């Protein structure tokens, strides 16, 4: 029996597995092929919805698509691929528990994606939260809600200022959308917190380059900056983060302020498994070198039985005449590359020719908070409510499965009638804290050691979790 191993279950990996289940259903049913997907998460994250998860406009679970529910003919392995040895046709899998093991394959599909690019800035690892996964988006939202609750009961002063200060580092699409959505949520919260005045809420967007949103042209980018500043935000262009030690943000421009929430969205980096733990060819950035038909290799040298797509693959961009151009890492490309890869893989198995991946852009669309957005397609630029509706319309169609589409639409309809849900569930990130604190003290005497143990456990729980959610950098 031949085994096809898909490394990573994000956009591209989920799409590849789903399409192969359809196109190879007879072979799978007869047991001629085993399709295996290896990923440490049991779901695919639809990242374009993470800014709306931050704002509470989309339920966190609805931005994730279950592997097990929608990949019925695929063997799902809960683990991380730590090495790809294509010469031996095997991957090394580290399961969540137990020792690592080698998983042989006949064909490998590398869709491991990218990871958050983090620079060695002092304090970032200790204080920053990323915005690449559902749990990070939930943590960002809960941190803001918790900060409002705490600040409302404090007198004006340094601690209250810190709690009401939010900083995003990175002016790409995920950073700007997350920043704008959280700013929109903060403005709505002011109606529920009469103790807090609007000028007290400080939002800072830090971008090292002289402009934000490099995917759009200059004029729409400047419009977004103006829109954010009109809503009270501070946009620091041409500024880098020098330090975040002690929760104090220090910029290369000399500005300095305490920030209760620091969100890191400064781009992507190659997945380390792909970059340094494989014998497959990778480019200088650590991305898998891929031909236009998504087979691994160059035009002169093909690596047999190896395919790659998504954010971790260097896929030639045939839609432009610029030599050496590669497709940009985004959801549009990952999903469509996944479909093309699956069709080409099946074509090779059945002796047919492959087709190159070629995708004409559908334009770029961004949400900037409820009721406003930006859409640009070639020379056409649309701003405001119409662009916001286009954003919602496109992404509800693009998220996989009708089940998820209906759930997202239902949440939007409910929010339109009743407004945002502003309940913070930050306590779910430390579920044992209340239980440990409530453990009865043992009787004095022979059980003093046990009592001390319980007290130490409670103290450790409080010290470990504190009032803040777990940080991911």
Protein backbone atom coordinates (compact mmCIF):
# COMPACT_ATOMS: atom_id res chain seq x y z
CA UNK A 1 0.00 0.00 0.00
CA UNK A 2 1.36 3.40 -0.97
CA UNK A 3 1.41 6.13 1.67
CA UNK A 4 1.05 9.84 0.93
CA UNK A 5 2.13 12.00 3.88
CA UNK A 6 0.96 15.62 4.11
CA UNK A 7 3.18 17.66 6.45
CA UNK A 8 1.03 20.40 8.01
CA UNK A 9 -2.72 20.90 8.13
CA UNK A 10 -3.08 24.61 7.44
CA UNK A 11 -4.73 26.16 4.38
CA UNK A 12 -2.71 24.26 1.80
CA UNK A 13 -2.42 20.98 3.70
CA UNK A 14 -6.11 20.80 4.59
CA UNK A 15 -7.08 21.63 0.99
CA UNK A 16 -4.67 19.05 -0.46
CA UNK A 17 -6.00 16.29 1.81
CA UNK A 18 -9.63 17.22 1.14
CA UNK A 19 -9.15 17.25 -2.64
CA UNK A 20 -7.17 14.00 -2.64
CA UNK A 21 -9.96 12.32 -0.68
CA UNK A 22 -12.29 13.18 -3.56
CA UNK A 23 -9.96 12.46 -6.46
CA UNK A 24 -8.49 9.23 -5.03
CA UNK A 25 -11.62 7.97 -3.28
CA UNK A 26 -11.63 4.64 -5.14
CA UNK A 27 -7.98 3.94 -4.30
CA UNK A 28 -8.54 4.95 -0.68
CA UNK A 29 -11.63 2.78 -0.41
CA UNK A 30 -9.80 -0.26 -1.83
CA UNK A 31 -6.85 0.28 0.54
CA UNK A 32 -4.36 0.87 -2.26
CA UNK A 33 -3.38 4.26 -0.81
CA UNK A 34 -3.11 5.55 2.74
CA UNK A 35 -3.43 9.32 3.11
CA UNK A 36 -1.78 10.68 6.29
CA UNK A 37 -1.84 14.26 7.60
CA UNK A 38 0.56 15.19 10.41
CA UNK A 39 -0.14 18.32 12.44
CA UNK A 40 0.04 19.21 16.17
CA UNK A 41 -3.29 21.03 15.93
CA UNK A 42 -6.53 19.16 15.17
CA UNK A 43 -7.86 21.98 13.03
CA UNK A 44 -7.07 24.39 10.21
CA UNK A 45 -7.04 28.04 11.29
CA UNK A 46 -8.73 30.45 8.90
CA UNK A 47 -6.35 33.32 9.63
CA UNK A 48 -8.25 36.12 7.80
CA UNK A 49 -10.89 35.82 10.53
CA UNK A 50 -8.42 36.26 13.41
CA UNK A 51 -8.82 40.07 13.49
CA UNK A 52 -12.58 39.56 13.85
CA UNK A 53 -11.95 36.99 16.59
CA UNK A 54 -9.89 39.70 18.32
CA UNK A 55 -12.88 42.05 18.08
CA UNK A 56 -15.44 39.43 19.10
CA UNK A 57 -17.18 39.60 15.71
CA UNK A 58 -16.42 35.92 15.00
CA UNK A 59 -16.43 33.09 17.54
CA UNK A 60 -12.97 31.63 18.03
CA UNK A 61 -14.13 28.09 17.24
CA UNK A 62 -15.71 29.27 14.00
CA UNK A 63 -12.33 30.46 12.68
CA UNK A 64 -11.06 26.89 12.97
CA UNK A 65 -12.07 23.99 10.72
CA UNK A 66 -11.87 20.53 12.30
CA UNK A 67 -9.62 18.05 10.53
CA UNK A 68 -11.40 15.02 11.94
CA UNK A 69 -14.86 16.20 10.97
CA UNK A 70 -14.01 17.06 7.38
CA UNK A 71 -11.21 14.63 6.50
CA UNK A 72 -12.97 11.30 6.92
CA UNK A 73 -10.65 9.17 4.72
CA UNK A 74 -7.39 10.65 6.02
CA UNK A 75 -5.37 9.18 8.88
CA UNK A 76 -4.71 12.08 11.25
CA UNK A 77 -1.51 12.04 13.28
CA UNK A 78 -1.37 14.33 16.32
CA UNK A 79 2.27 15.31 16.28
CA UNK A 80 4.99 17.46 14.76
CA UNK A 81 7.26 16.49 11.89
CA UNK A 82 10.77 17.26 13.10
CA UNK A 83 12.67 16.03 10.05
CA UNK A 84 12.02 15.09 6.43
CA UNK A 85 14.50 12.52 5.01
CA UNK A 86 13.41 12.29 1.42
CA UNK A 87 16.40 10.16 0.43
CA UNK A 88 15.03 7.47 2.78
CA UNK A 89 11.37 8.37 2.04
CA UNK A 90 10.54 8.96 5.71
CA UNK A 91 9.57 11.75 8.10
CA UNK A 92 10.38 11.84 11.81
CA UNK A 93 7.26 12.47 13.89
CA UNK A 94 7.30 13.74 17.47
CA UNK A 95 3.89 12.90 18.97
CA UNK A 96 2.38 14.94 21.78
CA UNK A 97 3.46 12.21 24.18
CA UNK A 98 5.89 9.35 23.76
CA UNK A 99 9.09 8.97 21.78
CA UNK A 100 9.63 10.18 18.23
CA UNK A 101 9.33 7.67 15.40
CA UNK A 102 9.97 7.40 11.68
CA UNK A 103 6.97 7.32 9.34
CA UNK A 104 7.82 5.93 5.87
CA UNK A 105 6.08 7.29 2.79
CA UNK A 106 5.97 6.97 -0.96
CA UNK A 107 5.05 10.59 -1.62
CA UNK A 108 5.46 13.64 0.62
CA UNK A 109 3.52 16.89 0.41
CA UNK A 110 5.19 19.73 2.36
CA UNK A 111 2.62 22.29 3.49
CA UNK A 112 4.17 23.14 6.86
CA UNK A 113 3.54 26.86 6.37
CA UNK A 114 5.51 29.61 8.03
CA UNK A 115 6.05 30.72 11.62
CA UNK A 116 5.96 34.15 13.23
CA UNK A 117 9.19 36.04 12.56
CA UNK A 118 10.53 37.25 15.89
CA UNK A 119 13.64 39.38 16.23
CA UNK A 120 15.81 39.24 19.37
CA UNK A 121 14.36 42.41 20.87
CA UNK A 122 14.74 42.53 24.66
CA UNK A 123 11.43 41.87 26.42
CA UNK A 124 9.49 40.63 23.39
CA UNK A 125 9.67 36.94 24.33
CA UNK A 126 8.42 37.77 27.83
CA UNK A 127 5.63 40.22 27.01
CA UNK A 128 4.42 39.87 23.40
CA UNK A 129 1.53 37.87 21.97
CA UNK A 130 1.48 36.80 18.32
CA UNK A 131 -1.53 36.85 16.01
CA UNK A 132 -1.17 33.71 13.92
CA UNK A 133 -3.35 31.24 15.83
CA UNK A 134 -6.84 31.24 17.34
CA UNK A 135 -5.60 31.02 20.91
CA UNK A 136 -3.47 34.13 20.39
CA UNK A 137 -6.43 36.12 19.02
CA UNK A 138 -8.54 35.07 22.01
CA UNK A 139 -5.74 36.04 24.41
CA UNK A 140 -5.44 39.50 22.82
CA UNK A 141 -9.18 40.12 23.14
CA UNK A 142 -9.38 38.84 26.71
CA UNK A 143 -6.37 40.91 27.74
CA UNK A 144 -8.05 44.12 26.52
CA UNK A 145 -11.35 43.28 28.23
CA UNK A 146 -9.58 42.40 31.47
CA UNK A 147 -7.53 45.61 31.30
CA UNK A 148 -10.71 47.69 31.00
CA UNK A 149 -12.20 45.93 34.03
CA UNK A 150 -9.08 46.54 36.11
CA UNK A 151 -8.51 50.10 34.94
CA UNK A 152 -12.11 51.11 35.72
CA UNK A 153 -11.53 50.42 39.40
CA UNK A 154 -8.19 52.27 39.65
CA UNK A 155 -7.54 55.97 40.14
CA UNK A 156 -5.78 57.80 37.34
CA UNK A 157 -2.07 57.12 37.41
CA UNK A 158 0.76 55.09 35.82
CA UNK A 159 -0.87 51.67 36.32
CA UNK A 160 -4.16 52.76 34.81
CA UNK A 161 -2.31 54.34 31.85
CA UNK A 162 -0.37 51.12 31.30
CA UNK A 163 -3.50 48.98 31.32
CA UNK A 164 -5.20 51.21 28.74
CA UNK A 165 -2.21 51.30 26.34
CA UNK A 166 -2.05 48.84 23.43
CA UNK A 167 0.90 48.42 21.06
CA UNK A 168 1.03 46.48 17.77
CA UNK A 169 4.38 45.91 16.08
CA UNK A 170 4.09 45.32 12.34
CA UNK A 171 2.11 47.18 9.69
CA UNK A 172 1.24 44.35 7.31
CA UNK A 173 -2.30 43.13 6.71
CA UNK A 174 -2.61 41.00 9.84
CA UNK A 175 -1.17 43.77 12.02
CA UNK A 176 -3.28 46.59 10.60
CA UNK A 177 -6.51 44.56 10.57
CA UNK A 178 -5.96 43.27 14.11
CA UNK A 179 -5.05 46.76 15.31
CA UNK A 180 -8.09 48.38 13.67
CA UNK A 181 -10.51 45.73 14.92
CA UNK A 182 -9.22 45.95 18.49
CA UNK A 183 -9.41 49.75 18.32
CA UNK A 184 -13.02 49.43 17.17
CA UNK A 185 -13.77 47.12 20.11
CA UNK A 186 -12.13 49.56 22.54
CA UNK A 187 -14.31 52.42 21.26
CA UNK A 188 -17.43 50.29 21.78
CA UNK A 189 -16.30 49.40 25.30
CA UNK A 190 -16.17 53.07 26.27
CA UNK A 191 -19.99 53.14 26.22
CA UNK A 192 -19.99 50.41 28.89
CA UNK A 193 -17.26 51.94 31.06
CA UNK A 194 -18.29 55.50 32.04
CA UNK A 195 -15.30 55.52 34.42
CA UNK A 196 -12.91 55.59 31.43
CA UNK A 197 -12.57 58.63 29.15
CA UNK A 198 -11.74 58.17 25.46
CA UNK A 199 -8.39 60.08 25.62
CA UNK A 200 -7.14 57.58 28.22
CA UNK A 201 -7.21 54.71 25.72
CA UNK A 202 -3.95 54.81 23.77
CA UNK A 203 -3.31 52.63 20.70
CA UNK A 204 0.13 52.56 19.04
CA UNK A 205 0.98 50.92 15.69
CA UNK A 206 4.73 50.60 15.10
CA UNK A 207 6.11 49.96 11.60
CA UNK A 208 9.79 50.12 10.71
CA UNK A 209 9.22 50.99 7.04
CA UNK A 210 7.89 54.41 5.95
CA UNK A 211 4.45 53.00 5.06
CA UNK A 212 1.94 50.35 6.11
CA UNK A 213 0.13 47.74 3.99
CA UNK A 214 2.81 47.10 1.34
CA UNK A 215 0.25 45.07 -0.64
CA UNK A 216 -1.71 48.23 -1.56
CA UNK A 217 -0.59 51.38 -3.37
CA UNK A 218 0.58 54.52 -1.57
CA UNK A 219 -2.61 56.55 -1.62
CA UNK A 220 -4.90 53.90 -0.05
CA UNK A 221 -2.16 53.20 2.49
CA UNK A 222 -2.06 56.87 3.50
CA UNK A 223 -5.86 56.87 3.74
CA UNK A 224 -5.73 53.99 6.21
CA UNK A 225 -3.16 55.85 8.34
CA UNK A 226 -5.38 58.94 8.33
CA UNK A 227 -8.42 56.86 9.22
CA UNK A 228 -6.67 55.26 12.18
CA UNK A 229 -5.30 58.57 13.44
CA UNK A 230 -8.75 60.17 13.16
CA UNK A 231 -9.96 57.50 15.58
CA UNK A 232 -7.25 58.45 18.09
CA UNK A 233 -4.53 55.96 17.18
CA UNK A 234 -0.81 56.75 17.02
CA UNK A 235 0.89 55.38 13.90
CA UNK A 236 4.70 55.34 14.21
CA UNK A 237 6.19 54.96 10.70
CA UNK A 238 9.91 54.52 10.21
CA UNK A 239 10.17 53.40 13.84
CA UNK A 240 11.53 50.15 15.19
CA UNK A 241 10.96 48.47 18.54
CA UNK A 242 14.20 48.70 20.51
CA UNK A 243 13.04 47.13 23.76
CA UNK A 244 9.96 45.94 25.64
CA UNK A 245 11.64 45.07 28.92
CA UNK A 246 9.46 45.48 31.96
CA UNK A 247 6.46 46.14 29.72
CA UNK A 248 7.94 49.50 28.70
CA UNK A 249 8.00 50.05 24.93
CA UNK A 250 11.07 51.91 23.66
CA UNK A 251 11.18 52.94 20.01
CA UNK A 252 14.12 53.81 17.79
CA UNK A 253 12.71 57.35 17.54
CA UNK A 254 13.32 57.84 21.27
CA UNK A 255 9.67 57.54 22.28
CA UNK A 256 8.94 55.49 25.37
CA UNK A 257 5.72 54.40 27.10
CA UNK A 258 4.38 51.57 29.26
CA UNK A 259 2.04 49.20 27.44
CA UNK A 260 -0.25 46.65 29.03
CA UNK A 261 -0.69 44.74 25.76
CA UNK A 262 2.01 44.13 23.16
CA UNK A 263 1.05 42.28 19.96
CA UNK A 264 3.77 41.12 17.55
CA UNK A 265 2.76 40.90 13.86
CA UNK A 266 6.09 41.69 12.19
CA UNK A 267 5.91 39.13 9.39
CA UNK A 268 6.63 35.45 8.79
CA UNK A 269 9.72 33.28 8.73
CA UNK A 270 10.39 29.85 7.25
CA UNK A 271 9.27 26.86 9.28
CA UNK A 272 12.47 25.55 10.93
CA UNK A 273 11.64 21.97 9.96
CA UNK A 274 11.67 22.98 6.31
CA UNK A 275 14.54 25.45 6.61
CA UNK A 276 17.10 23.27 8.39
CA UNK A 277 15.78 19.73 8.95
CA UNK A 278 15.30 18.32 5.47
CA UNK A 279 17.32 17.16 2.50
CA UNK A 280 14.81 18.77 0.12
CA UNK A 281 16.17 21.86 -1.70
CA UNK A 282 15.46 25.16 0.05
CA UNK A 283 16.25 28.73 -0.97
CA UNK A 284 18.22 31.32 0.98
CA UNK A 285 15.18 32.21 3.10
CA UNK A 286 14.52 28.58 4.04
CA UNK A 287 11.51 27.95 1.75
CA UNK A 288 11.15 24.74 -0.29
CA UNK A 289 12.21 25.30 -3.90
CA UNK A 290 9.17 24.49 -6.02
CA UNK A 291 8.43 24.32 -9.71
CA UNK A 292 5.43 26.05 -11.25
CA UNK A 293 3.45 22.78 -11.14
CA UNK A 294 4.19 22.55 -7.37
CA UNK A 295 6.59 19.63 -7.62
CA UNK A 296 9.73 20.16 -5.55
CA UNK A 297 12.78 21.06 -7.60
CA UNK A 298 13.89 23.47 -10.29
CA UNK A 299 13.20 23.57 -13.99
CA UNK A 300 16.40 21.59 -14.58
CA UNK A 301 16.23 19.11 -11.72
CA UNK A 302 13.07 17.50 -10.36
CA UNK A 303 12.83 15.83 -6.96
CA UNK A 304 10.55 12.84 -7.56
CA UNK A 305 7.59 12.14 -5.25
CA UNK A 306 7.92 15.46 -3.42
CA UNK A 307 5.44 18.34 -3.60
CA UNK A 308 5.10 21.65 -1.75
CA UNK A 309 2.66 24.55 -1.48
CA UNK A 310 1.57 27.33 0.82
CA UNK A 311 3.48 29.85 2.89
CA UNK A 312 6.57 27.65 3.25
CA UNK A 313 7.05 27.05 -0.49
CA UNK A 314 8.90 29.24 -2.99
CA UNK A 315 6.34 29.00 -5.81
CA UNK A 316 7.06 30.91 -9.05
CA UNK A 317 4.58 33.68 -9.76
CA UNK A 318 3.57 33.27 -13.41
CA UNK A 319 1.14 36.19 -13.29
CA UNK A 320 3.98 38.71 -13.53
CA UNK A 321 6.77 39.17 -16.05
CA UNK A 322 9.27 40.01 -13.30
CA UNK A 323 12.08 37.41 -13.36
CA UNK A 324 12.30 35.26 -10.23
CA UNK A 325 9.02 36.55 -8.79
CA UNK A 326 7.39 34.29 -6.20
CA UNK A 327 3.79 34.15 -5.05
CA UNK A 328 3.14 36.07 -1.84
CA UNK A 329 2.25 34.06 1.27
CA UNK A 330 -1.47 34.55 1.77
CA UNK A 331 -4.70 32.57 2.04
CA UNK A 332 -5.71 33.11 -1.59
CA UNK A 333 -2.56 31.46 -2.89
CA UNK A 334 -2.39 28.68 -0.28
CA UNK A 335 -5.92 27.40 -0.93
CA UNK A 336 -5.61 27.56 -4.71
CA UNK A 337 -2.15 26.01 -4.64
CA UNK A 338 -3.56 23.19 -2.54
CA UNK A 339 -6.20 22.46 -5.16
CA UNK A 340 -3.73 22.61 -8.04
CA UNK A 341 -1.23 20.41 -6.19
CA UNK A 342 -3.84 17.72 -5.54
CA UNK A 343 -4.93 17.70 -9.18
CA UNK A 344 -1.35 17.55 -10.44
CA UNK A 345 -0.44 14.76 -8.02
CA UNK A 346 -3.36 12.69 -9.27
CA UNK A 347 -2.45 13.53 -12.88
CA UNK A 348 1.10 12.20 -12.39
CA UNK A 349 -0.24 8.99 -10.84
CA UNK A 350 -2.51 8.46 -13.85
CA UNK A 351 0.05 9.30 -16.49
CA UNK A 352 -1.34 12.69 -17.44
CA UNK A 353 0.52 15.97 -17.72
CA UNK A 354 0.58 18.52 -14.94
CA UNK A 355 -0.48 22.16 -15.19
CA UNK A 356 1.39 25.14 -13.72
CA UNK A 357 -0.10 27.14 -10.90
CA UNK A 358 -1.21 30.48 -12.24
CA UNK A 359 -3.48 32.77 -10.25
CA UNK A 360 -4.80 36.15 -11.23
CA UNK A 361 -5.21 38.31 -8.16
CA UNK A 362 -8.72 39.02 -6.97
CA UNK A 363 -7.48 42.21 -5.36
CA UNK A 364 -6.77 42.95 -1.72
CA UNK A 365 -9.41 43.64 0.89
CA UNK A 366 -9.02 44.63 4.54
CA UNK A 367 -11.34 45.23 7.45
CA UNK A 368 -10.70 48.31 9.59
CA UNK A 369 -13.36 47.73 12.20
CA UNK A 370 -17.12 47.34 12.00
CA UNK A 371 -18.53 49.28 9.05
CA UNK A 372 -15.30 50.33 7.37
CA UNK A 373 -12.72 48.70 5.16
CA UNK A 374 -10.50 49.00 2.11
CA UNK A 375 -10.60 47.16 -1.23
CA UNK A 376 -8.18 47.61 -4.10
CA UNK A 377 -8.15 45.84 -7.45
CA UNK A 378 -5.71 47.20 -9.99
CA UNK A 379 -6.73 50.86 -10.33
CA UNK A 380 -10.03 50.49 -8.50
CA UNK A 381 -10.07 51.55 -4.84
CA UNK A 382 -13.16 51.24 -2.66
CA UNK A 383 -13.24 52.58 0.91
CA UNK A 384 -15.72 52.47 3.77
CA UNK A 385 -18.83 50.35 4.28
CA UNK A 386 -18.89 48.84 0.78
CA UNK A 387 -15.32 47.58 1.15
CA UNK A 388 -16.17 46.18 4.58
CA UNK A 389 -19.11 44.27 3.11
CA UNK A 390 -16.85 43.00 0.31
CA UNK A 391 -14.39 41.74 2.95
CA UNK A 392 -17.08 39.86 4.81
CA UNK A 393 -18.66 38.53 1.64
CA UNK A 394 -15.40 37.23 0.21
CA UNK A 395 -14.19 35.53 3.38
CA UNK A 396 -17.47 33.87 4.27
CA UNK A 397 -17.37 32.32 0.80
CA UNK A 398 -13.67 31.44 1.09
CA UNK A 399 -13.73 29.69 4.47
CA UNK A 400 -13.95 25.92 3.84
CA UNK A 401 -17.18 23.95 4.43
CA UNK A 402 -20.78 25.11 4.46
CA UNK A 403 -21.02 24.28 8.14
CA UNK A 404 -18.47 26.98 8.99
CA UNK A 405 -20.04 29.50 6.59
CA UNK A 406 -23.44 29.13 8.27
CA UNK A 407 -21.98 29.41 11.77
CA UNK A 408 -20.08 32.60 10.92
CA UNK A 409 -23.15 34.16 9.28
CA UNK A 410 -25.24 33.29 12.33
CA UNK A 411 -22.78 35.07 14.66
CA UNK A 412 -22.71 38.15 12.43
CA UNK A 413 -26.52 38.28 12.38
CA UNK A 414 -26.69 37.94 16.17
CA UNK A 415 -24.10 40.69 16.62
CA UNK A 416 -26.00 42.97 14.24
CA UNK A 417 -29.09 42.63 16.45
CA UNK A 418 -27.60 42.53 19.95
CA UNK A 419 -24.13 44.03 19.51
CA UNK A 420 -20.76 42.53 20.39
CA UNK A 421 -20.31 39.97 23.13
CA UNK A 422 -17.89 41.62 25.58
CA UNK A 423 -17.48 38.82 28.14
CA UNK A 424 -13.86 38.04 28.95
CA UNK A 425 -13.02 34.39 29.58
CA UNK A 426 -9.36 34.87 30.39
CA UNK A 427 -9.76 32.50 33.35
CA UNK A 428 -10.07 29.54 30.97
CA UNK A 429 -6.33 29.88 30.36
CA UNK A 430 -5.70 28.88 33.99
CA UNK A 431 -8.56 26.44 34.70
CA UNK A 432 -7.05 24.89 37.83
CA UNK A 433 -6.34 28.15 39.68
CA UNK A 434 -9.72 28.33 41.46
CA UNK A 435 -9.67 24.63 42.27
CA UNK A 436 -6.15 24.72 43.72
CA UNK A 437 -6.96 27.83 45.75
CA UNK A 438 -10.05 26.08 47.15
CA UNK A 439 -8.31 22.90 48.29
CA UNK A 440 -9.04 22.59 52.05
CA UNK A 441 -6.12 22.90 54.39
CA UNK A 442 -5.15 19.63 56.07
CA UNK A 443 -5.41 19.16 59.83
CA UNK A 444 -2.56 20.53 61.93
CA UNK A 445 -0.08 17.90 63.04
CA UNK A 446 0.86 14.90 61.01
CA UNK A 447 -0.47 16.49 57.80
CA UNK A 448 1.44 19.78 58.02
CA UNK A 449 3.68 18.71 55.17
CA UNK A 450 0.64 18.06 53.00
CA UNK A 451 -0.80 21.45 53.97
CA UNK A 452 2.40 23.15 52.98
CA UNK A 453 2.29 21.26 49.72
CA UNK A 454 -1.23 22.53 48.95
CA UNK A 455 -0.26 26.08 49.85
CA UNK A 456 2.83 25.86 47.68
CA UNK A 457 0.73 24.51 44.82
CA UNK A 458 -1.72 27.40 45.10
CA UNK A 459 1.11 29.89 45.28
CA UNK A 460 2.76 28.35 42.24
CA UNK A 461 -0.52 28.49 40.31
CA UNK A 462 -1.00 32.14 41.17
CA UNK A 463 2.60 33.01 40.40
CA UNK A 464 2.58 31.10 37.14
CA UNK A 465 -0.70 32.44 35.79
CA UNK A 466 -1.19 35.75 37.54
CA UNK A 467 -3.73 38.04 35.93
CA UNK A 468 -2.39 37.64 32.42
CA UNK A 469 -3.03 35.00 29.75
CA UNK A 470 -0.23 32.77 28.52
CA UNK A 471 2.05 34.61 26.15
CA UNK A 472 3.11 33.33 22.77
CA UNK A 473 5.92 35.00 20.89
